[in-house]
Amino acid sequence: MVDISHESLIRQWDNLRSWVDQGAENAGIYRRLAETAGRHSDAEPRFYRDAELQEAIAWQRRQRPTAAWAERYRPGFQPAMNFLRESRLIRIREHRAR
């Protein structure tokens, strides 16, 4: 029984490695977003721009994070999502103004 399980694990090793790498990447993107949102203030607004914003939007669409998932990595899910939404709205306004 152990040999069969071991062989199955070896055959799926590349998939497992890919899932672990993808999970670490998703967690890293969320942590950066939550940290940036935590540093954001009305006195010193700092919104995501360009590459940061594109990466975060693509991550949100791909990952579809939930508060339960996010709490495993860093508190502050709702402020982070609000910050991302505000960053996106500012980019839209800037493009319309041009």
PDB file of N, CA and C in Angstrom:
ATOM      1  N   MET A   1       0.826  -1.202   0.000  1.00  0.00           N
ATOM      2  CA  MET A   1       0.000   0.000   0.000  1.00  0.00           C
ATOM      3  C   MET A   1       0.867   1.262   0.000  1.00  0.00           C
ATOM      4  N   VAL A   2       1.914   1.271   0.766  1.00  0.00           N
ATOM      5  CA  VAL A   2       2.803   2.423   0.831  1.00  0.00           C
ATOM      6  C   VAL A   2       3.495   2.631  -0.513  1.00  0.00           C
ATOM      7  N   ASP A   3       3.936   1.560  -1.135  1.00  0.00           N
ATOM      8  CA  ASP A   3       4.610   1.679  -2.425  1.00  0.00           C
ATOM      9  C   ASP A   3       3.691   2.292  -3.467  1.00  0.00           C
ATOM     10  N   ILE A   4       2.424   1.900  -3.474  1.00  0.00           N
ATOM     11  CA  ILE A   4       1.466   2.441  -4.437  1.00  0.00           C
ATOM     12  C   ILE A   4       1.269   3.933  -4.191  1.00  0.00           C
ATOM     13  N   SER A   5       1.119   4.336  -2.963  1.00  0.00           N
ATOM     14  CA  SER A   5       0.948   5.755  -2.626  1.00  0.00           C
ATOM     15  C   SER A   5       2.184   6.545  -3.013  1.00  0.00           C
ATOM     16  N   HIS A   6       3.328   5.989  -2.725  1.00  0.00           N
ATOM     17  CA  HIS A   6       4.587   6.651  -3.047  1.00  0.00           C
ATOM     18  C   HIS A   6       4.721   6.853  -4.548  1.00  0.00           C
ATOM     19  N   GLU A   7       4.412   5.839  -5.336  1.00  0.00           N
ATOM     20  CA  GLU A   7       4.478   5.940  -6.792  1.00  0.00           C
ATOM     21  C   GLU A   7       3.483   6.976  -7.314  1.00  0.00           C
ATOM     22  N   SER A   8       2.299   7.020  -6.733  1.00  0.00           N
ATOM     23  CA  SER A   8       1.301   8.017  -7.144  1.00  0.00           C
ATOM     24  C   SER A   8       1.789   9.425  -6.852  1.00  0.00           C
ATOM     25  N   LEU A   9       2.406   9.600  -5.717  1.00  0.00           N
ATOM     26  CA  LEU A   9       2.935  10.913  -5.356  1.00  0.00           C
ATOM     27  C   LEU A   9       4.040  11.338  -6.319  1.00  0.00           C
ATOM     28  N   ILE A  10       4.916  10.431  -6.655  1.00  0.00           N
ATOM     29  CA  ILE A  10       6.009  10.753  -7.579  1.00  0.00           C
ATOM     30  C   ILE A  10       5.453  11.157  -8.943  1.00  0.00           C
ATOM     31  N   ARG A  11       4.432  10.451  -9.427  1.00  0.00           N
ATOM     32  CA  ARG A  11       3.843  10.782 -10.726  1.00  0.00           C
ATOM     33  C   ARG A  11       3.197  12.166 -10.709  1.00  0.00           C
ATOM     34  N   GLN A  12       2.708  12.591  -9.575  1.00  0.00           N
ATOM     35  CA  GLN A  12       2.026  13.877  -9.473  1.00  0.00           C
ATOM     36  C   GLN A  12       2.923  14.984  -8.918  1.00  0.00           C
ATOM     37  N   TRP A  13       4.202  14.706  -8.768  1.00  0.00           N
ATOM     38  CA  TRP A  13       5.120  15.657  -8.135  1.00  0.00           C
ATOM     39  C   TRP A  13       5.135  17.016  -8.832  1.00  0.00           C
ATOM     40  N   ASP A  14       5.165  17.033 -10.160  1.00  0.00           N
ATOM     41  CA  ASP A  14       5.190  18.301 -10.888  1.00  0.00           C
ATOM     42  C   ASP A  14       3.921  19.104 -10.631  1.00  0.00           C
ATOM     43  N   ASN A  15       2.776  18.438 -10.597  1.00  0.00           N
ATOM     44  CA  ASN A  15       1.518  19.131 -10.279  1.00  0.00           C
ATOM     45  C   ASN A  15       1.557  19.699  -8.868  1.00  0.00           C
ATOM     46  N   LEU A  16       2.026  18.899  -7.927  1.00  0.00           N
ATOM     47  CA  LEU A  16       2.111  19.342  -6.541  1.00  0.00           C
ATOM     48  C   LEU A  16       3.024  20.552  -6.409  1.00  0.00           C
ATOM     49  N   ARG A  17       4.176  20.495  -7.062  1.00  0.00           N
ATOM     50  CA  ARG A  17       5.120  21.619  -7.014  1.00  0.00           C
ATOM     51  C   ARG A  17       4.485  22.879  -7.610  1.00  0.00           C
ATOM     52  N   SER A  18       3.765  22.712  -8.702  1.00  0.00           N
ATOM     53  CA  SER A  18       3.095  23.842  -9.347  1.00  0.00           C
ATOM     54  C   SER A  18       2.039  24.447  -8.427  1.00  0.00           C
ATOM     55  N   TRP A  19       1.267  23.604  -7.756  1.00  0.00           N
ATOM     56  CA  TRP A  19       0.237  24.101  -6.834  1.00  0.00           C
ATOM     57  C   TRP A  19       0.868  24.862  -5.667  1.00  0.00           C
ATOM     58  N   VAL A  20       1.959  24.328  -5.146  1.00  0.00           N
ATOM     59  CA  VAL A  20       2.644  24.992  -4.032  1.00  0.00           C
ATOM     60  C   VAL A  20       3.197  26.343  -4.488  1.00  0.00           C
ATOM     61  N   ASP A  21       3.832  26.365  -5.643  1.00  0.00           N
ATOM     62  CA  ASP A  21       4.381  27.623  -6.166  1.00  0.00           C
ATOM     63  C   ASP A  21       3.276  28.645  -6.413  1.00  0.00           C
ATOM     64  N   GLN A  22       2.180  28.201  -6.997  1.00  0.00           N
ATOM     65  CA  GLN A  22       1.058  29.100  -7.270  1.00  0.00           C
ATOM     66  C   GLN A  22       0.445  29.609  -5.964  1.00  0.00           C
ATOM     67  N   GLY A  23       0.334  28.744  -4.980  1.00  0.00           N
ATOM     68  CA  GLY A  23      -0.197  29.161  -3.680  1.00  0.00           C
ATOM     69  C   GLY A  23       0.691  30.211  -3.023  1.00  0.00           C
ATOM     70  N   ALA A  24       1.989  30.009  -3.100  1.00  0.00           N
ATOM     71  CA  ALA A  24       2.931  30.978  -2.524  1.00  0.00           C
ATOM     72  C   ALA A  24       2.851  32.307  -3.262  1.00  0.00           C
ATOM     73  N   GLU A  25       2.726  32.262  -4.582  1.00  0.00           N
ATOM     74  CA  GLU A  25       2.608  33.498  -5.366  1.00  0.00           C
ATOM     75  C   GLU A  25       1.319  34.243  -5.014  1.00  0.00           C
ATOM     76  N   ASN A  26       0.211  33.528  -4.914  1.00  0.00           N
ATOM     77  CA  ASN A  26      -1.060  34.159  -4.558  1.00  0.00           C
ATOM     78  C   ASN A  26      -0.999  34.793  -3.178  1.00  0.00           C
ATOM     79  N   ALA A  27      -0.420  34.080  -2.236  1.00  0.00           N
ATOM     80  CA  ALA A  27      -0.291  34.616  -0.879  1.00  0.00           C
ATOM     81  C   ALA A  27       0.596  35.856  -0.865  1.00  0.00           C
ATOM     82  N   GLY A  28       1.675  35.844  -1.634  1.00  0.00           N
ATOM     83  CA  GLY A  28       2.578  36.998  -1.693  1.00  0.00           C
ATOM     84  C   GLY A  28       1.902  38.227  -2.281  1.00  0.00           C
ATOM     85  N   ILE A  29       1.134  38.037  -3.327  1.00  0.00           N
ATOM     86  CA  ILE A  29       0.414  39.162  -3.934  1.00  0.00           C
ATOM     87  C   ILE A  29      -0.579  39.737  -2.930  1.00  0.00           C
ATOM     88  N   TYR A  30      -1.299  38.857  -2.244  1.00  0.00           N
ATOM     89  CA  TYR A  30      -2.268  39.339  -1.253  1.00  0.00           C
ATOM     90  C   TYR A  30      -1.566  40.070  -0.104  1.00  0.00           C
ATOM     91  N   ARG A  31      -0.482  39.514   0.399  1.00  0.00           N
ATOM     92  CA  ARG A  31       0.231  40.174   1.509  1.00  0.00           C
ATOM     93  C   ARG A  31       0.700  41.571   1.119  1.00  0.00           C
ATOM     94  N   ARG A  32       1.273  41.704  -0.089  1.00  0.00           N
ATOM     95  CA  ARG A  32       1.720  43.030  -0.543  1.00  0.00           C
ATOM     96  C   ARG A  32       0.538  43.991  -0.651  1.00  0.00           C
ATOM     97  N   LEU A  33      -0.566  43.499  -1.177  1.00  0.00           N
ATOM     98  CA  LEU A  33      -1.765  44.331  -1.311  1.00  0.00           C
ATOM     99  C   LEU A  33      -2.263  44.772   0.062  1.00  0.00           C
ATOM    100  N   ALA A  34      -2.362  43.848   0.996  1.00  0.00           N
ATOM    101  CA  ALA A  34      -2.849  44.178   2.347  1.00  0.00           C
ATOM    102  C   ALA A  34      -1.897  45.121   3.072  1.00  0.00           C
ATOM    103  N   GLU A  35      -0.594  44.926   2.904  1.00  0.00           N
ATOM    104  CA  GLU A  35       0.383  45.821   3.538  1.00  0.00           C
ATOM    105  C   GLU A  35       0.290  47.230   2.962  1.00  0.00           C
ATOM    106  N   THR A  36       0.177  47.326   1.649  1.00  0.00           N
ATOM    107  CA  THR A  36       0.064  48.640   1.007  1.00  0.00           C
ATOM    108  C   THR A  36      -1.226  49.315   1.431  1.00  0.00           C
ATOM    109  N   ALA A  37      -2.304  48.559   1.478  1.00  0.00           N
ATOM    110  CA  ALA A  37      -3.591  49.120   1.918  1.00  0.00           C
ATOM    111  C   ALA A  37      -3.494  49.603   3.360  1.00  0.00           C
ATOM    112  N   GLY A  38      -2.750  48.876   4.200  1.00  0.00           N
ATOM    113  CA  GLY A  38      -2.578  49.274   5.598  1.00  0.00           C
ATOM    114  C   GLY A  38      -1.772  50.552   5.753  1.00  0.00           C
ATOM    115  N   ARG A  39      -0.855  50.814   4.820  1.00  0.00           N
ATOM    116  CA  ARG A  39      -0.048  52.048   4.872  1.00  0.00           C
ATOM    117  C   ARG A  39      -0.773  53.229   4.237  1.00  0.00           C
ATOM    118  N   HIS A  40      -1.792  52.954   3.448  1.00  0.00           N
ATOM    119  CA  HIS A  40      -2.549  54.006   2.764  1.00  0.00           C
ATOM    120  C   HIS A  40      -3.306  54.846   3.794  1.00  0.00           C
ATOM    121  N   SER A  41      -3.304  56.136   3.589  1.00  0.00           N
ATOM    122  CA  SER A  41      -4.086  57.017   4.455  1.00  0.00           C
ATOM    123  C   SER A  41      -4.583  58.189   3.620  1.00  0.00           C
ATOM    124  N   ASP A  42      -5.597  58.864   4.133  1.00  0.00           N
ATOM    125  CA  ASP A  42      -6.107  60.039   3.419  1.00  0.00           C
ATOM    126  C   ASP A  42      -5.058  61.150   3.375  1.00  0.00           C
ATOM    127  N   ALA A  43      -4.236  61.233   4.416  1.00  0.00           N
ATOM    128  CA  ALA A  43      -3.208  62.271   4.461  1.00  0.00           C
ATOM    129  C   ALA A  43      -2.124  62.012   3.417  1.00  0.00           C
ATOM    130  N   GLU A  44      -1.761  60.751   3.225  1.00  0.00           N
ATOM    131  CA  GLU A  44      -0.738  60.386   2.240  1.00  0.00           C
ATOM    132  C   GLU A  44      -1.253  59.246   1.376  1.00  0.00           C
ATOM    133  N   PRO A  45      -2.138  59.565   0.435  1.00  0.00           N
ATOM    134  CA  PRO A  45      -2.683  58.482  -0.390  1.00  0.00           C
ATOM    135  C   PRO A  45      -1.611  57.879  -1.292  1.00  0.00           C
ATOM    136  N   ARG A  46      -1.595  56.577  -1.339  1.00  0.00           N
ATOM    137  CA  ARG A  46      -0.671  55.861  -2.222  1.00  0.00           C
ATOM    138  C   ARG A  46      -1.450  54.700  -2.811  1.00  0.00           C
ATOM    139  N   PHE A  47      -1.911  54.881  -4.024  1.00  0.00           N
ATOM    140  CA  PHE A  47      -2.693  53.848  -4.683  1.00  0.00           C
ATOM    141  C   PHE A  47      -1.806  53.033  -5.604  1.00  0.00           C
ATOM    142  N   TYR A  48      -2.278  51.846  -5.930  1.00  0.00           N
ATOM    143  CA  TYR A  48      -1.584  51.029  -6.916  1.00  0.00           C
ATOM    144  C   TYR A  48      -1.668  51.699  -8.270  1.00  0.00           C
ATOM    145  N   ARG A  49      -0.616  51.558  -9.035  1.00  0.00           N
ATOM    146  CA  ARG A  49      -0.552  52.098 -10.387  1.00  0.00           C
ATOM    147  C   ARG A  49       0.027  51.038 -11.313  1.00  0.00           C
ATOM    148  N   ASP A  50      -0.166  51.222 -12.578  1.00  0.00           N
ATOM    149  CA  ASP A  50       0.470  50.478 -13.662  1.00  0.00           C
ATOM    150  C   ASP A  50       0.632  48.983 -13.372  1.00  0.00           C
ATOM    151  N   ALA A  51       1.884  48.521 -13.307  1.00  0.00           N
ATOM    152  CA  ALA A  51       2.160  47.082 -13.196  1.00  0.00           C
ATOM    153  C   ALA A  51       1.599  46.488 -11.909  1.00  0.00           C
ATOM    154  N   GLU A  52       1.740  47.206 -10.806  1.00  0.00           N
ATOM    155  CA  GLU A  52       1.195  46.714  -9.538  1.00  0.00           C
ATOM    156  C   GLU A  52      -0.314  46.510  -9.647  1.00  0.00           C
ATOM    157  N   LEU A  53      -0.973  47.493 -10.213  1.00  0.00           N
ATOM    158  CA  LEU A  53      -2.422  47.432 -10.337  1.00  0.00           C
ATOM    159  C   LEU A  53      -2.837  46.312 -11.279  1.00  0.00           C
ATOM    160  N   GLN A  54      -2.174  46.185 -12.404  1.00  0.00           N
ATOM    161  CA  GLN A  54      -2.508  45.120 -13.362  1.00  0.00           C
ATOM    162  C   GLN A  54      -2.312  43.737 -12.740  1.00  0.00           C
ATOM    163  N   GLU A  55      -1.224  43.571 -12.015  1.00  0.00           N
ATOM    164  CA  GLU A  55      -0.958  42.287 -11.365  1.00  0.00           C
ATOM    165  C   GLU A  55      -2.046  41.966 -10.340  1.00  0.00           C
ATOM    166  N   ALA A  56      -2.424  42.956  -9.537  1.00  0.00           N
ATOM    167  CA  ALA A  56      -3.430  42.733  -8.497  1.00  0.00           C
ATOM    168  C   ALA A  56      -4.806  42.448  -9.095  1.00  0.00           C
ATOM    169  N   ILE A  57      -5.167  43.149 -10.150  1.00  0.00           N
ATOM    170  CA  ILE A  57      -6.460  42.905 -10.807  1.00  0.00           C
ATOM    171  C   ILE A  57      -6.492  41.504 -11.415  1.00  0.00           C
ATOM    172  N   ALA A  58      -5.423  41.133 -12.096  1.00  0.00           N
ATOM    173  CA  ALA A  58      -5.356  39.789 -12.695  1.00  0.00           C
ATOM    174  C   ALA A  58      -5.407  38.718 -11.605  1.00  0.00           C
ATOM    175  N   TRP A  59      -4.701  38.953 -10.506  1.00  0.00           N
ATOM    176  CA  TRP A  59      -4.718  38.016  -9.385  1.00  0.00           C
ATOM    177  C   TRP A  59      -6.125  37.876  -8.825  1.00  0.00           C
ATOM    178  N   GLN A  60      -6.816  38.994  -8.616  1.00  0.00           N
ATOM    179  CA  GLN A  60      -8.160  38.954  -8.055  1.00  0.00           C
ATOM    180  C   GLN A  60      -9.119  38.179  -8.961  1.00  0.00           C
ATOM    181  N   ARG A  61      -9.020  38.403 -10.252  1.00  0.00           N
ATOM    182  CA  ARG A  61      -9.887  37.686 -11.198  1.00  0.00           C
ATOM    183  C   ARG A  61      -9.580  36.190 -11.225  1.00  0.00           C
ATOM    184  N   ARG A  62      -8.303  35.872 -11.169  1.00  0.00           N
ATOM    185  CA  ARG A  62      -7.877  34.470 -11.249  1.00  0.00           C
ATOM    186  C   ARG A  62      -8.135  33.736  -9.937  1.00  0.00           C
ATOM    187  N   GLN A  63      -7.782  34.338  -8.841  1.00  0.00           N
ATOM    188  CA  GLN A  63      -7.843  33.694  -7.529  1.00  0.00           C
ATOM    189  C   GLN A  63      -9.227  33.766  -6.882  1.00  0.00           C
ATOM    190  N   ARG A  64      -9.926  34.872  -7.105  1.00  0.00           N
ATOM    191  CA  ARG A  64     -11.219  35.114  -6.449  1.00  0.00           C
ATOM    192  C   ARG A  64     -11.107  34.885  -4.938  1.00  0.00           C
ATOM    193  N   PRO A  65     -10.268  35.691  -4.291  1.00  0.00           N
ATOM    194  CA  PRO A  65      -9.990  35.470  -2.868  1.00  0.00           C
ATOM    195  C   PRO A  65     -11.221  35.726  -2.002  1.00  0.00           C
ATOM    196  N   THR A  66     -11.250  35.040  -0.889  1.00  0.00           N
ATOM    197  CA  THR A  66     -12.299  35.241   0.108  1.00  0.00           C
ATOM    198  C   THR A  66     -11.648  35.672   1.415  1.00  0.00           C
ATOM    199  N   ALA A  67     -12.447  36.204   2.305  1.00  0.00           N
ATOM    200  CA  ALA A  67     -11.924  36.629   3.604  1.00  0.00           C
ATOM    201  C   ALA A  67     -11.345  35.437   4.368  1.00  0.00           C
ATOM    202  N   ALA A  68     -12.000  34.291   4.288  1.00  0.00           N
ATOM    203  CA  ALA A  68     -11.510  33.106   4.995  1.00  0.00           C
ATOM    204  C   ALA A  68     -10.133  32.689   4.475  1.00  0.00           C
ATOM    205  N   TRP A  69      -9.956  32.704   3.159  1.00  0.00           N
ATOM    206  CA  TRP A  69      -8.658  32.365   2.579  1.00  0.00           C
ATOM    207  C   TRP A  69      -7.603  33.379   3.024  1.00  0.00           C
ATOM    208  N   ALA A  70      -7.935  34.656   2.935  1.00  0.00           N
ATOM    209  CA  ALA A  70      -6.978  35.722   3.229  1.00  0.00           C
ATOM    210  C   ALA A  70      -6.524  35.728   4.684  1.00  0.00           C
ATOM    211  N   GLU A  71      -7.405  35.388   5.604  1.00  0.00           N
ATOM    212  CA  GLU A  71      -7.056  35.409   7.024  1.00  0.00           C
ATOM    213  C   GLU A  71      -5.921  34.447   7.356  1.00  0.00           C
ATOM    214  N   ARG A  72      -5.699  33.440   6.537  1.00  0.00           N
ATOM    215  CA  ARG A  72      -4.582  32.521   6.776  1.00  0.00           C
ATOM    216  C   ARG A  72      -3.244  33.210   6.557  1.00  0.00           C
ATOM    217  N   TYR A  73      -3.258  34.269   5.762  1.00  0.00           N
ATOM    218  CA  TYR A  73      -2.003  34.906   5.361  1.00  0.00           C
ATOM    219  C   TYR A  73      -1.779  36.279   5.989  1.00  0.00           C
ATOM    220  N   ARG A  74      -2.841  37.021   6.166  1.00  0.00           N
ATOM    221  CA  ARG A  74      -2.720  38.353   6.771  1.00  0.00           C
ATOM    222  C   ARG A  74      -4.109  38.910   7.010  1.00  0.00           C
ATOM    223  N   PRO A  75      -4.352  39.500   8.174  1.00  0.00           N
ATOM    224  CA  PRO A  75      -5.647  40.143   8.393  1.00  0.00           C
ATOM    225  C   PRO A  75      -5.786  41.393   7.522  1.00  0.00           C
ATOM    226  N   GLY A  76      -6.993  41.864   7.354  1.00  0.00           N
ATOM    227  CA  GLY A  76      -7.225  43.098   6.619  1.00  0.00           C
ATOM    228  C   GLY A  76      -7.752  42.878   5.216  1.00  0.00           C
ATOM    229  N   PHE A  77      -8.507  41.808   5.017  1.00  0.00           N
ATOM    230  CA  PHE A  77      -8.997  41.477   3.684  1.00  0.00           C
ATOM    231  C   PHE A  77      -9.886  42.582   3.108  1.00  0.00           C
ATOM    232  N   GLN A  78     -10.873  43.025   3.866  1.00  0.00           N
ATOM    233  CA  GLN A  78     -11.810  44.018   3.317  1.00  0.00           C
ATOM    234  C   GLN A  78     -11.130  45.352   3.002  1.00  0.00           C
ATOM    235  N   PRO A  79     -10.291  45.879   3.890  1.00  0.00           N
ATOM    236  CA  PRO A  79      -9.557  47.099   3.514  1.00  0.00           C
ATOM    237  C   PRO A  79      -8.680  46.902   2.271  1.00  0.00           C
ATOM    238  N   ALA A  80      -8.093  45.728   2.126  1.00  0.00           N
ATOM    239  CA  ALA A  80      -7.261  45.457   0.949  1.00  0.00           C
ATOM    240  C   ALA A  80      -8.102  45.461  -0.324  1.00  0.00           C
ATOM    241  N   MET A  81      -9.281  44.851  -0.276  1.00  0.00           N
ATOM    242  CA  MET A  81     -10.153  44.823  -1.454  1.00  0.00           C
ATOM    243  C   MET A  81     -10.695  46.227  -1.768  1.00  0.00           C
ATOM    244  N   ASN A  82     -10.987  46.998  -0.721  1.00  0.00           N
ATOM    245  CA  ASN A  82     -11.432  48.381  -0.931  1.00  0.00           C
ATOM    246  C   ASN A  82     -10.319  49.210  -1.567  1.00  0.00           C
ATOM    247  N   PHE A  83      -9.107  49.023  -1.096  1.00  0.00           N
ATOM    248  CA  PHE A  83      -7.949  49.725  -1.645  1.00  0.00           C
ATOM    249  C   PHE A  83      -7.755  49.377  -3.124  1.00  0.00           C
ATOM    250  N   LEU A  84      -7.902  48.115  -3.470  1.00  0.00           N
ATOM    251  CA  LEU A  84      -7.757  47.699  -4.864  1.00  0.00           C
ATOM    252  C   LEU A  84      -8.857  48.324  -5.720  1.00  0.00           C
ATOM    253  N   ARG A  85     -10.073  48.331  -5.211  1.00  0.00           N
ATOM    254  CA  ARG A  85     -11.190  48.950  -5.942  1.00  0.00           C
ATOM    255  C   ARG A  85     -10.938  50.443  -6.140  1.00  0.00           C
ATOM    256  N   GLU A  86     -10.483  51.133  -5.104  1.00  0.00           N
ATOM    257  CA  GLU A  86     -10.183  52.565  -5.218  1.00  0.00           C
ATOM    258  C   GLU A  86      -9.061  52.816  -6.223  1.00  0.00           C
ATOM    259  N   SER A  87      -8.037  51.978  -6.193  1.00  0.00           N
ATOM    260  CA  SER A  87      -6.930  52.115  -7.148  1.00  0.00           C
ATOM    261  C   SER A  87      -7.443  51.973  -8.570  1.00  0.00           C
ATOM    262  N   ARG A  88      -8.315  51.007  -8.784  1.00  0.00           N
ATOM    263  CA  ARG A  88      -8.885  50.784 -10.120  1.00  0.00           C
ATOM    264  C   ARG A  88      -9.745  51.973 -10.550  1.00  0.00           C
ATOM    265  N   LEU A  89     -10.543  52.512  -9.650  1.00  0.00           N
ATOM    266  CA  LEU A  89     -11.390  53.672  -9.977  1.00  0.00           C
ATOM    267  C   LEU A  89     -10.549  54.903 -10.315  1.00  0.00           C
ATOM    268  N   ILE A  90      -9.477  55.113  -9.593  1.00  0.00           N
ATOM    269  CA  ILE A  90      -8.598  56.252  -9.881  1.00  0.00           C
ATOM    270  C   ILE A  90      -7.981  56.101 -11.264  1.00  0.00           C
ATOM    271  N   ARG A  91      -7.560  54.896 -11.615  1.00  0.00           N
ATOM    272  CA  ARG A  91      -7.000  54.665 -12.953  1.00  0.00           C
ATOM    273  C   ARG A  91      -8.043  54.952 -14.032  1.00  0.00           C
ATOM    274  N   ILE A  92      -9.266  54.529 -13.821  1.00  0.00           N
ATOM    275  CA  ILE A  92     -10.340  54.782 -14.791  1.00  0.00           C
ATOM    276  C   ILE A  92     -10.570  56.282 -14.943  1.00  0.00           C
ATOM    277  N   ARG A  93     -10.618  56.989 -13.823  1.00  0.00           N
ATOM    278  CA  ARG A  93     -10.817  58.459 -13.880  1.00  0.00           C
ATOM    279  C   ARG A  93      -9.669  59.133 -14.620  1.00  0.00           C
ATOM    280  N   GLU A  94      -8.449  58.697 -14.357  1.00  0.00           N
ATOM    281  CA  GLU A  94      -7.282  59.287 -15.021  1.00  0.00           C
ATOM    282  C   GLU A  94      -7.341  59.056 -16.536  1.00  0.00           C
ATOM    283  N   HIS A  95      -7.747  57.868 -16.942  1.00  0.00           N
ATOM    284  CA  HIS A  95      -7.852  57.589 -18.381  1.00  0.00           C
ATOM    285  C   HIS A  95      -8.952  58.417 -19.029  1.00  0.00           C
ATOM    286  N   ARG A  96     -10.039  58.606 -18.335  1.00  0.00           N
ATOM    287  CA  ARG A  96     -11.137  59.423 -18.879  1.00  0.00           C
ATOM    288  C   ARG A  96     -10.737  60.886 -18.976  1.00  0.00           C
ATOM    289  N   ALA A  97      -9.920  61.355 -18.024  1.00  0.00           N
ATOM    290  CA  ALA A  97      -9.495  62.742 -18.029  1.00  0.00           C
ATOM    291  C   ALA A  97      -8.537  63.042 -19.175  1.00  0.00           C
ATOM    292  N   ARG A  98      -7.831  62.038 -19.645  1.00  0.00           N
ATOM    293  CA  ARG A  98      -6.902  62.235 -20.764  1.00  0.00           C
ATOM    294  C   ARG A  98      -7.694  62.330 -22.005  1.00  0.00           C
TER     295      ARG A  98
END
